């Protein structure tokens, strides 16, 4: 992998990740852009104890542009985009309309391929490995920023999810705090460790799932399963067999095997509802240990956390979506219409031949 860092016309960072070591990236952003001004602010909810990002400048972000005006496609002639070069393997740049910025963190866009009509599942294994390496490198770089406490790599796919750009891409949020979801995991981890005299909760969950009927796919270094208490109609958690706290700690064997496993899971997601339904909308989210202090979680250290990826869809059956209604949105109590055992069975049924 070759990494080349440059700047866009308004001062934002752009990083190319290339498969070939001799690739030269010297194209200049020719757009007449003024320096980006953001109004991102993080406010803490005194009752719930969580944080909310206020980012009014995002109201003006690009929304479903025509394919020939896609800002994530490479620049072609006088059609200028966020990517000055005429092609790329993987490109990462600071979001022009970030939810978090400055002392409130940082947001980046990860373009998986220059092919506008592709999806992550269409990448070959070499390309998917390059994306994994880019996620890992960005996690390392962002973790060193003074304001950053947790790094979150994720992909939203599909208009139903709320995606505003059709080009295959994901995002990275670098938060200035430990996210509420992670804090809940850490509290459960601490409580279980104390109650059992030191047993790791992630290890216990993985061991239980391996012994049950919800395993979807397992290889030498990875295990994918539908969790016992799945929140979403079709939800898969992907764990490395060897517990590590973040992408940086994955060993080479796990890195090498990941593309094959992940691409297979994405292909299965597109087969769940049949060919006539179209691509399955999904969210794919990497959960990594925070880089900040963990004193509030008694007895927990970073190495207790288990890196894992959660992949889920809001489509519950053909033509129907799972909406977050009163119980989910109002009280954060999920109601799942699809039994996790049936979801796992279906995901095994649509395996590649």
Protein backbone atom coordinates (compact mmCIF):
# COMPACT_ATOMS: atom_id res chain seq x y z
CA UNK A 1 0.00 0.00 0.00
CA UNK A 2 1.19 3.49 -0.90
CA UNK A 3 -0.16 6.47 1.03
CA UNK A 4 -0.12 10.00 -0.40
CA UNK A 5 -1.40 12.99 1.58
CA UNK A 6 -2.32 16.27 -0.07
CA UNK A 7 -4.66 19.24 0.41
CA UNK A 8 -7.85 20.31 -1.33
CA UNK A 9 -8.40 23.88 -2.46
CA UNK A 10 -10.08 24.89 0.82
CA UNK A 11 -7.36 23.38 3.00
CA UNK A 12 -9.00 20.05 3.86
CA UNK A 13 -6.78 16.96 3.90
CA UNK A 14 -7.08 14.31 1.18
CA UNK A 15 -5.27 10.97 1.42
CA UNK A 16 -4.88 8.49 -1.44
CA UNK A 17 -4.30 4.80 -0.68
CA UNK A 18 -2.95 2.93 -3.69
CA UNK A 19 -2.30 -0.73 -4.42
CA UNK A 20 0.80 0.03 -6.50
CA UNK A 21 3.85 1.52 -4.80
CA UNK A 22 4.90 3.46 -7.90
CA UNK A 23 1.61 5.40 -8.25
CA UNK A 24 2.17 9.17 -8.43
CA UNK A 25 -0.50 11.53 -7.08
CA UNK A 26 0.25 15.14 -8.04
CA UNK A 27 -3.08 16.43 -9.35
CA UNK A 28 -4.14 19.81 -7.93
CA UNK A 29 -7.66 20.73 -6.85
CA UNK A 30 -8.67 23.40 -9.39
CA UNK A 31 -11.96 24.41 -7.75
CA UNK A 32 -12.28 28.03 -6.51
CA UNK A 33 -13.20 26.99 -2.96
CA UNK A 34 -13.03 29.24 0.06
CA UNK A 35 -11.71 27.80 3.30
CA UNK A 36 -14.37 25.64 4.96
CA UNK A 37 -16.21 27.23 7.88
CA UNK A 38 -18.09 24.93 10.26
CA UNK A 39 -20.37 25.55 13.23
CA UNK A 40 -20.06 22.15 14.90
CA UNK A 41 -20.69 22.12 18.64
CA UNK A 42 -21.05 19.25 21.11
CA UNK A 43 -23.62 19.70 23.88
CA UNK A 44 -24.14 17.35 26.80
CA UNK A 45 -27.62 16.24 27.85
CA UNK A 46 -27.75 16.69 31.63
CA UNK A 47 -30.54 14.14 32.13
CA UNK A 48 -29.36 11.34 29.86
CA UNK A 49 -25.65 11.98 30.27
CA UNK A 50 -24.94 11.68 26.53
CA UNK A 51 -23.74 14.16 23.94
CA UNK A 52 -25.39 15.73 20.88
CA UNK A 53 -23.55 17.35 17.96
CA UNK A 54 -25.14 20.58 16.74
CA UNK A 55 -24.06 21.21 13.13
CA UNK A 56 -26.35 23.69 11.36
CA UNK A 57 -23.99 24.07 8.38
CA UNK A 58 -24.94 20.53 7.27
CA UNK A 59 -28.30 21.81 6.01
CA UNK A 60 -26.51 22.92 2.85
CA UNK A 61 -24.75 19.63 2.05
CA UNK A 62 -24.99 17.98 -1.37
CA UNK A 63 -28.19 15.93 -1.73
CA UNK A 64 -28.67 13.18 -4.34
CA UNK A 65 -26.82 14.86 -7.24
CA UNK A 66 -27.04 13.40 -10.77
CA UNK A 67 -24.39 10.74 -11.47
CA UNK A 68 -22.51 13.11 -13.79
CA UNK A 69 -22.16 15.61 -10.92
CA UNK A 70 -21.11 13.17 -8.22
CA UNK A 71 -18.53 14.83 -5.92
CA UNK A 72 -16.95 11.45 -5.08
CA UNK A 73 -16.13 10.42 -8.64
CA UNK A 74 -12.63 11.29 -9.85
CA UNK A 75 -12.11 14.56 -11.72
CA UNK A 76 -12.53 14.25 -15.47
CA UNK A 77 -11.52 17.24 -17.58
CA UNK A 78 -13.57 20.25 -16.52
CA UNK A 79 -15.85 18.17 -14.29
CA UNK A 80 -14.17 18.89 -10.98
CA UNK A 81 -14.83 16.88 -7.83
CA UNK A 82 -13.54 16.24 -4.32
CA UNK A 83 -10.95 13.92 -5.89
CA UNK A 84 -8.58 15.95 -8.12
CA UNK A 85 -6.98 12.90 -9.75
CA UNK A 86 -8.56 11.14 -12.74
CA UNK A 87 -8.72 7.77 -10.96
CA UNK A 88 -8.07 6.28 -7.53
CA UNK A 89 -8.08 3.03 -5.58
CA UNK A 90 -9.18 4.34 -2.16
CA UNK A 91 -9.42 8.02 -1.24
CA UNK A 92 -10.11 9.56 2.18
CA UNK A 93 -10.78 13.24 2.79
CA UNK A 94 -12.10 15.57 5.46
CA UNK A 95 -15.85 15.97 5.11
CA UNK A 96 -16.84 19.33 3.64
CA UNK A 97 -19.96 19.28 5.82
CA UNK A 98 -18.76 17.60 9.02
CA UNK A 99 -20.88 16.76 12.05
CA UNK A 100 -17.73 17.10 14.17
CA UNK A 101 -14.85 19.52 13.60
CA UNK A 102 -12.01 21.25 15.43
CA UNK A 103 -12.23 20.77 19.19
CA UNK A 104 -15.40 18.73 18.61
CA UNK A 105 -13.61 16.00 16.66
CA UNK A 106 -13.31 15.22 12.97
CA UNK A 107 -15.32 13.58 10.17
CA UNK A 108 -13.84 11.93 7.09
CA UNK A 109 -15.26 10.38 3.92
CA UNK A 110 -13.84 7.07 2.68
CA UNK A 111 -14.32 6.40 -1.04
CA UNK A 112 -13.99 2.66 -1.61
CA UNK A 113 -13.54 2.80 -5.40
CA UNK A 114 -13.68 5.29 -8.25
CA UNK A 115 -16.42 3.16 -9.91
CA UNK A 116 -19.64 5.09 -9.27
CA UNK A 117 -21.91 2.13 -10.05
CA UNK A 118 -20.19 -0.40 -7.79
CA UNK A 119 -20.85 -1.38 -4.19
CA UNK A 120 -18.48 -2.65 -1.51
CA UNK A 121 -19.50 -6.24 -2.31
CA UNK A 122 -18.31 -5.71 -5.91
CA UNK A 123 -14.72 -5.09 -4.81
CA UNK A 124 -12.22 -7.90 -5.22
CA UNK A 125 -10.36 -9.20 -2.19
CA UNK A 126 -7.29 -7.06 -2.89
CA UNK A 127 -9.42 -3.91 -3.03
CA UNK A 128 -11.31 -4.84 0.14
CA UNK A 129 -8.01 -5.42 1.94
CA UNK A 130 -6.89 -1.94 0.88
CA UNK A 131 -10.03 -0.46 2.46
CA UNK A 132 -9.25 -2.38 5.67
CA UNK A 133 -5.72 -0.98 5.63
CA UNK A 134 -7.09 2.53 5.08
CA UNK A 135 -9.51 2.15 8.03
CA UNK A 136 -6.60 0.98 10.16
CA UNK A 137 -4.32 3.84 9.12
CA UNK A 138 -7.02 6.44 9.69
CA UNK A 139 -7.75 4.98 13.13
CA UNK A 140 -4.07 5.35 14.00
CA UNK A 141 -3.81 8.91 12.64
CA UNK A 142 -7.03 10.19 14.20
CA UNK A 143 -6.30 8.63 17.58
CA UNK A 144 -3.36 11.02 17.95
CA UNK A 145 -5.47 14.18 17.57
CA UNK A 146 -5.80 15.94 20.95
CA UNK A 147 -9.59 16.22 20.74
CA UNK A 148 -10.25 12.60 19.78
CA UNK A 149 -11.27 9.90 22.23
CA UNK A 150 -12.93 7.30 19.98
CA UNK A 151 -12.71 6.44 16.26
CA UNK A 152 -15.73 4.99 14.46
CA UNK A 153 -15.45 3.61 10.89
CA UNK A 154 -18.77 2.84 9.22
CA UNK A 155 -20.73 2.57 5.97
CA UNK A 156 -24.33 3.54 5.29
CA UNK A 157 -25.75 2.06 2.07
CA UNK A 158 -29.07 2.86 0.47
CA UNK A 159 -31.43 5.81 0.27
CA UNK A 160 -33.62 4.09 2.86
CA UNK A 161 -30.78 4.50 5.37
CA UNK A 162 -30.50 8.20 4.56
CA UNK A 163 -27.53 8.14 2.18
CA UNK A 164 -27.36 11.36 0.16
CA UNK A 165 -24.59 10.32 -2.27
CA UNK A 166 -24.92 7.14 -4.33
CA UNK A 167 -21.18 6.61 -4.86
CA UNK A 168 -19.80 3.66 -2.82
CA UNK A 169 -18.34 5.26 0.28
CA UNK A 170 -18.24 5.18 4.05
CA UNK A 171 -17.33 7.59 6.79
CA UNK A 172 -15.13 7.90 9.85
CA UNK A 173 -16.20 9.86 12.90
CA UNK A 174 -13.54 10.80 15.44
CA UNK A 175 -15.44 11.67 18.61
CA UNK A 176 -14.18 13.86 21.48
CA UNK A 177 -15.91 11.51 23.93
CA UNK A 178 -16.70 7.82 24.45
CA UNK A 179 -19.96 7.15 22.61
CA UNK A 180 -23.03 6.09 24.63
CA UNK A 181 -23.21 2.70 22.88
CA UNK A 182 -19.60 1.92 23.77
CA UNK A 183 -20.05 3.19 27.32
CA UNK A 184 -22.91 0.72 27.80
CA UNK A 185 -20.68 -2.12 26.61
CA UNK A 186 -17.90 -1.03 28.95
CA UNK A 187 -20.25 -0.90 31.94
CA UNK A 188 -21.54 -4.39 31.17
CA UNK A 189 -17.96 -5.55 30.71
CA UNK A 190 -16.95 -4.13 34.09
CA UNK A 191 -19.97 -5.60 35.90
CA UNK A 192 -19.42 -9.06 34.40
CA UNK A 193 -15.72 -8.98 35.19
CA UNK A 194 -16.44 -8.18 38.84
CA UNK A 195 -19.29 -10.70 39.17
CA UNK A 196 -17.29 -13.59 37.69
CA UNK A 197 -13.93 -12.88 39.23
CA UNK A 198 -12.30 -11.73 36.00
CA UNK A 199 -14.10 -13.44 33.07
CA UNK A 200 -14.30 -11.37 29.91
CA UNK A 201 -17.87 -10.76 28.77
CA UNK A 202 -16.98 -10.58 25.05
CA UNK A 203 -15.26 -13.96 25.29
CA UNK A 204 -18.26 -15.43 27.08
CA UNK A 205 -20.70 -14.11 24.46
CA UNK A 206 -18.61 -15.45 21.59
CA UNK A 207 -18.29 -18.85 23.24
CA UNK A 208 -22.06 -19.00 23.76
CA UNK A 209 -22.81 -18.03 20.17
CA UNK A 210 -20.39 -20.63 18.80
CA UNK A 211 -22.32 -23.30 20.70
CA UNK A 212 -25.72 -22.15 19.46
CA UNK A 213 -27.70 -22.09 16.19
CA UNK A 214 -27.18 -18.48 15.21
CA UNK A 215 -23.71 -18.82 13.64
CA UNK A 216 -23.85 -17.63 10.03
CA UNK A 217 -20.25 -18.12 8.95
CA UNK A 218 -17.02 -19.16 10.64
CA UNK A 219 -13.46 -19.46 9.41
CA UNK A 220 -10.09 -20.00 11.03
CA UNK A 221 -9.83 -16.38 12.19
CA UNK A 222 -13.38 -14.93 12.09
CA UNK A 223 -16.87 -15.76 13.38
CA UNK A 224 -20.12 -14.18 12.14
CA UNK A 225 -23.38 -14.69 14.02
CA UNK A 226 -26.81 -13.22 14.59
CA UNK A 227 -26.83 -12.12 18.25
CA UNK A 228 -29.18 -13.70 20.75
CA UNK A 229 -30.95 -10.38 21.36
CA UNK A 230 -30.69 -8.88 17.86
CA UNK A 231 -32.23 -5.41 17.62
CA UNK A 232 -32.67 -5.39 13.84
CA UNK A 233 -34.52 -7.80 11.49
CA UNK A 234 -31.27 -9.06 9.95
CA UNK A 235 -28.22 -8.27 12.07
CA UNK A 236 -24.82 -9.97 11.98
CA UNK A 237 -21.88 -9.43 14.31
CA UNK A 238 -18.43 -10.30 12.96
CA UNK A 239 -15.67 -11.01 15.51
CA UNK A 240 -12.04 -12.01 15.11
CA UNK A 241 -11.50 -15.23 17.08
CA UNK A 242 -8.55 -13.64 18.88
CA UNK A 243 -9.83 -10.73 20.97
CA UNK A 244 -8.19 -7.40 20.11
CA UNK A 245 -9.30 -3.86 21.12
CA UNK A 246 -9.08 -2.19 17.71
CA UNK A 247 -8.15 -2.49 14.04
CA UNK A 248 -4.54 -1.67 14.83
CA UNK A 249 -4.16 -4.88 16.83
CA UNK A 250 -5.45 -7.29 14.16
CA UNK A 251 -2.74 -9.75 13.16
CA UNK A 252 -1.80 -10.46 9.56
CA UNK A 253 -3.69 -13.75 9.39
CA UNK A 254 -6.95 -12.07 10.38
CA UNK A 255 -6.31 -9.18 7.96
CA UNK A 256 -5.66 -11.57 5.10
CA UNK A 257 -8.83 -13.57 5.74
CA UNK A 258 -11.14 -10.59 6.39
CA UNK A 259 -11.89 -9.60 2.76
CA UNK A 260 -13.19 -13.05 1.82
CA UNK A 261 -15.40 -13.25 4.91
CA UNK A 262 -16.77 -9.72 4.72
CA UNK A 263 -17.47 -9.77 0.99
CA UNK A 264 -19.40 -13.02 1.44
CA UNK A 265 -21.54 -11.50 4.19
CA UNK A 266 -22.35 -8.47 2.03
CA UNK A 267 -23.32 -10.70 -0.89
CA UNK A 268 -25.62 -12.71 1.37
CA UNK A 269 -27.31 -9.52 2.56
CA UNK A 270 -28.21 -8.70 -1.04
CA UNK A 271 -29.75 -12.16 -1.47
CA UNK A 272 -31.95 -12.18 1.64
CA UNK A 273 -35.07 -10.73 0.01
CA UNK A 274 -34.65 -12.00 -3.56
CA UNK A 275 -33.36 -10.44 -6.76
CA UNK A 276 -36.46 -8.34 -7.46
CA UNK A 277 -36.14 -6.32 -4.25
CA UNK A 278 -32.95 -4.48 -5.20
CA UNK A 279 -29.82 -3.92 -3.09
CA UNK A 280 -30.38 -4.36 0.63
CA UNK A 281 -29.93 -1.12 2.58
CA UNK A 282 -27.54 -1.61 5.47
CA UNK A 283 -25.27 -0.07 8.07
CA UNK A 284 -21.85 -1.64 8.68
CA UNK A 285 -20.18 -0.37 11.85
CA UNK A 286 -16.79 -1.09 13.41
CA UNK A 287 -16.77 -1.02 17.22
CA UNK A 288 -13.35 -0.19 18.64
CA UNK A 289 -12.14 0.53 22.16
CA UNK A 290 -11.88 4.23 23.06
CA UNK A 291 -8.43 5.77 23.20
CA UNK A 292 -9.39 7.93 26.16
CA UNK A 293 -9.13 7.11 29.84
CA UNK A 294 -11.37 4.33 31.20
CA UNK A 295 -11.29 5.19 34.92
CA UNK A 296 -15.08 5.39 35.17
CA UNK A 297 -15.39 1.73 34.13
CA UNK A 298 -14.01 -0.03 37.20
CA UNK A 299 -11.34 -2.61 36.45
CA UNK A 300 -11.62 -2.36 32.65
CA UNK A 301 -8.59 -1.80 30.41
CA UNK A 302 -8.53 -1.27 26.63
CA UNK A 303 -7.41 -4.84 26.04
CA UNK A 304 -10.67 -6.11 27.59
CA UNK A 305 -12.68 -4.64 24.71
CA UNK A 306 -13.34 -6.79 21.64
CA UNK A 307 -13.12 -5.24 18.19
CA UNK A 308 -16.11 -6.31 16.13
CA UNK A 309 -18.20 -5.26 13.16
CA UNK A 310 -21.98 -4.99 13.31
CA UNK A 311 -23.85 -5.30 10.00
CA UNK A 312 -27.60 -4.79 9.89
CA UNK A 313 -30.49 -3.78 7.65
CA UNK A 314 -33.67 -1.84 8.35
CA UNK A 315 -35.58 -3.93 5.78
CA UNK A 316 -37.68 -6.50 7.65
CA UNK A 317 -39.32 -8.21 4.69
CA UNK A 318 -39.88 -7.58 0.98
CA UNK A 319 -41.20 -4.08 0.49
CA UNK A 320 -41.28 -3.25 4.20
CA UNK A 321 -38.86 -1.34 6.40
CA UNK A 322 -38.29 -1.46 10.14
CA UNK A 323 -39.10 2.04 11.40
CA UNK A 324 -38.07 3.25 14.82
CA UNK A 325 -41.45 4.04 16.33
CA UNK A 326 -42.59 4.93 19.85
CA UNK A 327 -40.90 2.17 21.84
CA UNK A 328 -37.60 2.36 19.97
CA UNK A 329 -37.31 6.12 19.50
CA UNK A 330 -39.06 7.16 22.68
CA UNK A 331 -37.68 4.62 25.17
CA UNK A 332 -34.83 2.85 23.30
CA UNK A 333 -36.60 -0.51 23.69
CA UNK A 334 -36.39 -2.42 20.41
CA UNK A 335 -39.06 -4.80 19.13
CA UNK A 336 -37.77 -7.24 16.50
CA UNK A 337 -40.25 -8.93 14.16
CA UNK A 338 -37.72 -11.51 12.92
CA UNK A 339 -36.52 -14.21 15.37
CA UNK A 340 -32.68 -14.19 15.40
CA UNK A 341 -32.62 -17.97 14.81
CA UNK A 342 -34.71 -17.57 11.65
CA UNK A 343 -32.51 -14.68 10.47
CA UNK A 344 -29.39 -16.82 10.90
CA UNK A 345 -31.03 -19.70 9.06
CA UNK A 346 -31.93 -17.43 6.15
CA UNK A 347 -28.39 -16.00 5.97
CA UNK A 348 -27.02 -19.55 5.79
CA UNK A 349 -29.52 -20.44 3.04
CA UNK A 350 -28.25 -17.67 0.74
CA UNK A 351 -24.56 -18.61 1.02
CA UNK A 352 -22.48 -18.52 -2.15
CA UNK A 353 -22.31 -21.86 -3.90
